[in-house]
Amino acid sequence: MLRSKDKQTNYWKWAFLTFVGILIISIGWIYMSIFWFSPHVPEDAGRMVSTKDMVEFPTSTNKADLNALIAHYLQDFQKDNDADIKYDVYLADDVVFTAEAHFLGQPVDLGLNFTPTLRKDGVIVLQQVDLRIGALPLPVSVAMKYVQNQVELPDWVTVSPKRKKIYLDMNKLKLKGDMRVRVDALDLKKDDISFTLLVPTK
């Protein structure tokens, strides 16, 4: 009778030890699976980071949207520089410049139309194609000389009365946050305008 109880006790003893052993092995396997056997994945895995100083964001627009942007820029520029002569620039089939000029003490409406071309170096060249100065028959060079001397223009705009051209050096144009603009396409008649925003990363 006593031997039967001992056998029963040994059975539960071995069953308990087996259970504990399985439990320890299971915990050990789980621990090793998590901390030893799992592949090491760095924190920045999959993250691609450009090493360029400027990140490019190409975009396209149309004349209507660009006119709104130009108007906003000119308003801020003329306000900041306290310009005596207010002027307007907008895009139609040509680039149109309008202002109220003063000749012989009389105010007259000044209007210049330019055909834009885009050079490979990113400079936009505006070639004068039409002139309107009230009813005064003034030479184009005289009107552009007036613009050069009397109108407050940004430093990235250069007026050349002799060549009847205005140069827009977009490489010198700085936006907020030191962003820059590169013009990629400029066809006003087809309303094809695309450019790239260059955003500094350093």
Protein backbone atom coordinates (compact mmCIF):
# COMPACT_ATOMS: atom_id res chain seq x y z
CA MET A 1 0.00 0.00 0.00
CA LEU A 2 2.85 2.33 0.84
CA ARG A 3 4.66 1.48 -2.40
CA SER A 4 1.56 2.49 -4.37
CA LYS A 5 1.51 5.89 -2.67
CA ASP A 6 5.22 6.36 -3.41
CA LYS A 7 4.63 5.57 -7.09
CA GLN A 8 1.77 8.07 -7.18
CA THR A 9 3.96 10.69 -5.48
CA ASN A 10 6.82 10.07 -7.94
CA TYR A 11 4.39 10.41 -10.85
CA TRP A 12 3.21 13.85 -9.74
CA LYS A 13 6.78 14.83 -8.91
CA TRP A 14 8.01 13.97 -12.40
CA ALA A 15 4.96 15.54 -14.02
CA PHE A 16 5.61 18.75 -12.12
CA LEU A 17 9.31 18.77 -12.98
CA THR A 18 8.49 18.10 -16.64
CA PHE A 19 6.01 20.99 -16.66
CA VAL A 20 8.58 23.32 -15.08
CA GLY A 21 11.20 22.18 -17.59
CA ILE A 22 8.90 22.81 -20.55
CA LEU A 23 8.00 26.23 -19.10
CA ILE A 24 11.68 27.19 -18.70
CA ILE A 25 12.54 25.98 -22.20
CA SER A 26 9.58 27.89 -23.68
CA ILE A 27 10.55 31.12 -21.93
CA GLY A 28 14.15 30.67 -23.03
CA TRP A 29 13.13 30.06 -26.65
CA ILE A 30 10.92 33.14 -26.66
CA TYR A 31 13.72 35.26 -25.17
CA MET A 32 16.30 34.04 -27.70
CA SER A 33 13.85 34.50 -30.58
CA ILE A 34 13.30 38.13 -29.64
CA PHE A 35 16.80 39.20 -28.63
CA TRP A 36 19.17 36.77 -30.32
CA PHE A 37 17.66 35.31 -33.45
CA SER A 38 15.65 38.31 -34.76
CA PRO A 39 17.44 40.20 -37.57
CA HIS A 40 18.94 43.52 -36.55
CA VAL A 41 17.07 46.37 -38.21
CA PRO A 42 18.66 49.81 -37.84
CA GLU A 43 16.43 52.66 -36.77
CA ASP A 44 16.77 54.44 -40.11
CA ALA A 45 16.24 51.32 -42.24
CA GLY A 46 14.43 52.19 -45.46
CA ARG A 47 14.97 55.91 -44.97
CA MET A 48 16.55 57.50 -48.02
CA VAL A 49 18.21 60.84 -47.34
CA SER A 50 19.52 63.11 -50.06
CA THR A 51 23.04 64.46 -49.67
CA LYS A 52 22.34 67.47 -51.89
CA ASP A 53 22.53 70.99 -50.50
CA MET A 54 19.25 71.84 -52.27
CA VAL A 55 16.23 69.56 -52.63
CA GLU A 56 14.26 69.98 -55.86
CA PHE A 57 10.47 70.18 -56.07
CA PRO A 58 9.34 70.44 -59.71
CA THR A 59 5.93 71.97 -60.34
CA SER A 60 3.86 73.58 -63.06
CA THR A 61 1.38 76.42 -63.08
CA ASN A 62 -0.58 78.70 -65.40
CA LYS A 63 -0.67 82.41 -66.15
CA ALA A 64 -3.65 83.12 -63.91
CA ASP A 65 -2.05 81.60 -60.81
CA LEU A 66 1.36 83.08 -61.58
CA ASN A 67 -0.21 86.54 -62.04
CA ALA A 68 -1.64 86.29 -58.53
CA LEU A 69 1.80 85.37 -57.18
CA ILE A 70 3.51 88.20 -59.10
CA ALA A 71 0.96 90.75 -57.84
CA HIS A 72 1.51 89.64 -54.25
CA TYR A 73 5.30 89.80 -54.62
CA LEU A 74 5.26 93.26 -56.24
CA GLN A 75 2.89 94.62 -53.61
CA ASP A 76 5.21 93.53 -50.80
CA PHE A 77 8.34 94.69 -52.66
CA GLN A 78 7.01 98.16 -53.45
CA LYS A 79 5.68 98.54 -49.91
CA ASP A 80 8.99 97.51 -48.34
CA ASN A 81 10.98 99.84 -50.62
CA ASP A 82 8.49 102.72 -50.38
CA ALA A 83 8.47 103.05 -54.18
CA ASP A 84 7.41 106.44 -55.56
CA ILE A 85 6.12 104.99 -58.81
CA LYS A 86 3.71 102.08 -58.59
CA TYR A 87 3.82 99.61 -61.43
CA ASP A 88 2.24 96.35 -62.41
CA VAL A 89 3.55 93.28 -64.21
CA TYR A 90 1.35 90.51 -65.51
CA LEU A 91 1.38 87.71 -68.05
CA ALA A 92 -0.80 87.57 -71.14
CA ASP A 93 0.50 86.34 -74.50
CA ASP A 94 3.42 88.62 -73.61
CA VAL A 95 4.85 89.98 -70.39
CA VAL A 96 3.09 93.30 -69.80
CA PHE A 97 4.59 96.15 -67.75
CA THR A 98 2.38 99.12 -66.89
CA ALA A 99 3.01 102.22 -64.77
CA GLU A 100 1.97 105.82 -64.40
CA ALA A 101 4.92 107.84 -65.61
CA HIS A 102 5.49 111.61 -65.56
CA PHE A 103 6.69 113.39 -68.68
CA LEU A 104 6.96 117.18 -68.82
CA GLY A 105 5.19 117.33 -65.50
CA GLN A 106 2.16 115.46 -66.76
CA PRO A 107 1.10 111.95 -65.72
CA VAL A 108 0.81 109.51 -68.60
CA ASP A 109 0.16 105.80 -68.78
CA LEU A 110 3.24 103.82 -69.66
CA GLY A 111 2.90 100.34 -71.11
CA LEU A 112 5.56 97.97 -72.39
CA ASN A 113 5.05 94.51 -73.85
CA PHE A 114 7.85 91.96 -73.88
CA THR A 115 8.29 88.54 -75.42
CA PRO A 116 10.08 86.24 -72.97
CA THR A 117 12.74 83.71 -73.87
CA LEU A 118 14.48 81.36 -71.46
CA ARG A 119 18.24 81.00 -71.66
CA LYS A 120 20.07 77.83 -70.69
CA ASP A 121 21.59 79.55 -67.65
CA GLY A 122 18.11 80.18 -66.23
CA VAL A 123 17.96 83.89 -67.11
CA ILE A 124 14.69 85.10 -68.63
CA VAL A 125 15.21 87.65 -71.40
CA LEU A 126 12.34 90.03 -72.11
CA GLN A 127 12.51 91.47 -75.62
CA GLN A 128 10.47 94.67 -76.06
CA VAL A 129 7.80 94.27 -78.76
CA ASP A 130 5.30 97.07 -78.04
CA LEU A 131 5.29 100.47 -76.38
CA ARG A 132 2.46 102.70 -75.16
CA ILE A 133 3.15 106.07 -73.54
CA GLY A 134 -0.12 107.95 -73.65
CA ALA A 135 -0.07 109.84 -76.96
CA LEU A 136 3.63 110.70 -76.84
CA PRO A 137 5.74 109.33 -79.70
CA LEU A 138 8.83 108.59 -77.62
CA PRO A 139 11.56 106.16 -78.70
CA VAL A 140 11.62 102.81 -76.94
CA SER A 141 15.11 103.43 -75.56
CA VAL A 142 13.90 106.64 -73.89
CA ALA A 143 10.97 104.86 -72.24
CA MET A 144 13.15 102.02 -71.00
CA LYS A 145 15.75 104.51 -69.76
CA TYR A 146 12.97 106.13 -67.76
CA VAL A 147 12.06 102.76 -66.26
CA GLN A 148 15.72 102.08 -65.47
CA ASN A 149 16.22 105.40 -63.67
CA GLN A 150 12.84 106.08 -62.08
CA VAL A 151 11.28 102.73 -61.23
CA GLU A 152 12.45 100.78 -58.15
CA LEU A 153 13.22 97.28 -59.39
CA PRO A 154 14.53 94.18 -57.58
CA ASP A 155 18.28 93.55 -57.82
CA TRP A 156 17.70 90.46 -59.98
CA VAL A 157 16.11 92.63 -62.70
CA THR A 158 18.40 94.41 -65.18
CA VAL A 159 17.12 96.91 -67.75
CA SER A 160 19.09 97.44 -70.97
CA PRO A 161 17.61 100.41 -72.92
CA LYS A 162 20.08 100.06 -75.80
CA ARG A 163 19.20 96.43 -76.42
CA LYS A 164 15.51 97.03 -75.63
CA LYS A 165 15.64 94.10 -73.24
CA ILE A 166 15.07 93.33 -69.60
CA TYR A 167 16.94 90.46 -67.95
CA LEU A 168 15.45 88.49 -65.08
CA ASP A 169 18.24 86.56 -63.38
CA MET A 170 16.24 83.93 -61.48
CA ASN A 171 19.48 82.65 -59.93
CA LYS A 172 19.57 85.81 -57.79
CA LEU A 173 15.94 85.64 -56.72
CA LYS A 174 15.68 84.50 -53.11
CA LEU A 175 12.41 83.54 -51.51
CA LYS A 176 11.64 83.09 -47.85
CA GLY A 177 13.81 80.49 -46.16
CA ASP A 178 16.53 81.00 -48.81
CA MET A 179 14.49 79.03 -51.33
CA ARG A 180 15.32 79.58 -54.99
CA VAL A 181 13.49 79.13 -58.27
CA ARG A 182 14.67 77.54 -61.50
CA VAL A 183 12.44 78.10 -64.52
CA ASP A 184 12.23 74.99 -66.70
CA ALA A 185 9.68 76.03 -69.34
CA LEU A 186 8.09 79.35 -70.25
CA ASP A 187 5.65 79.41 -73.18
CA LEU A 188 2.98 82.01 -72.50
CA LYS A 189 0.95 81.42 -75.66
CA LYS A 190 0.56 77.74 -74.79
CA ASP A 191 0.22 78.56 -71.08
CA ASP A 192 3.07 76.13 -70.47
CA ILE A 193 4.91 77.28 -67.35
CA SER A 194 6.98 74.96 -65.21
CA PHE A 195 9.65 75.58 -62.65
CA THR A 196 11.50 73.90 -59.83
CA LEU A 197 11.64 75.08 -56.23
CA LEU A 198 15.07 74.59 -54.72
CA VAL A 199 14.83 74.21 -50.95
CA PRO A 200 18.04 74.27 -48.88
CA THR A 201 18.68 71.34 -46.55
CA LYS A 202 21.68 72.78 -44.73
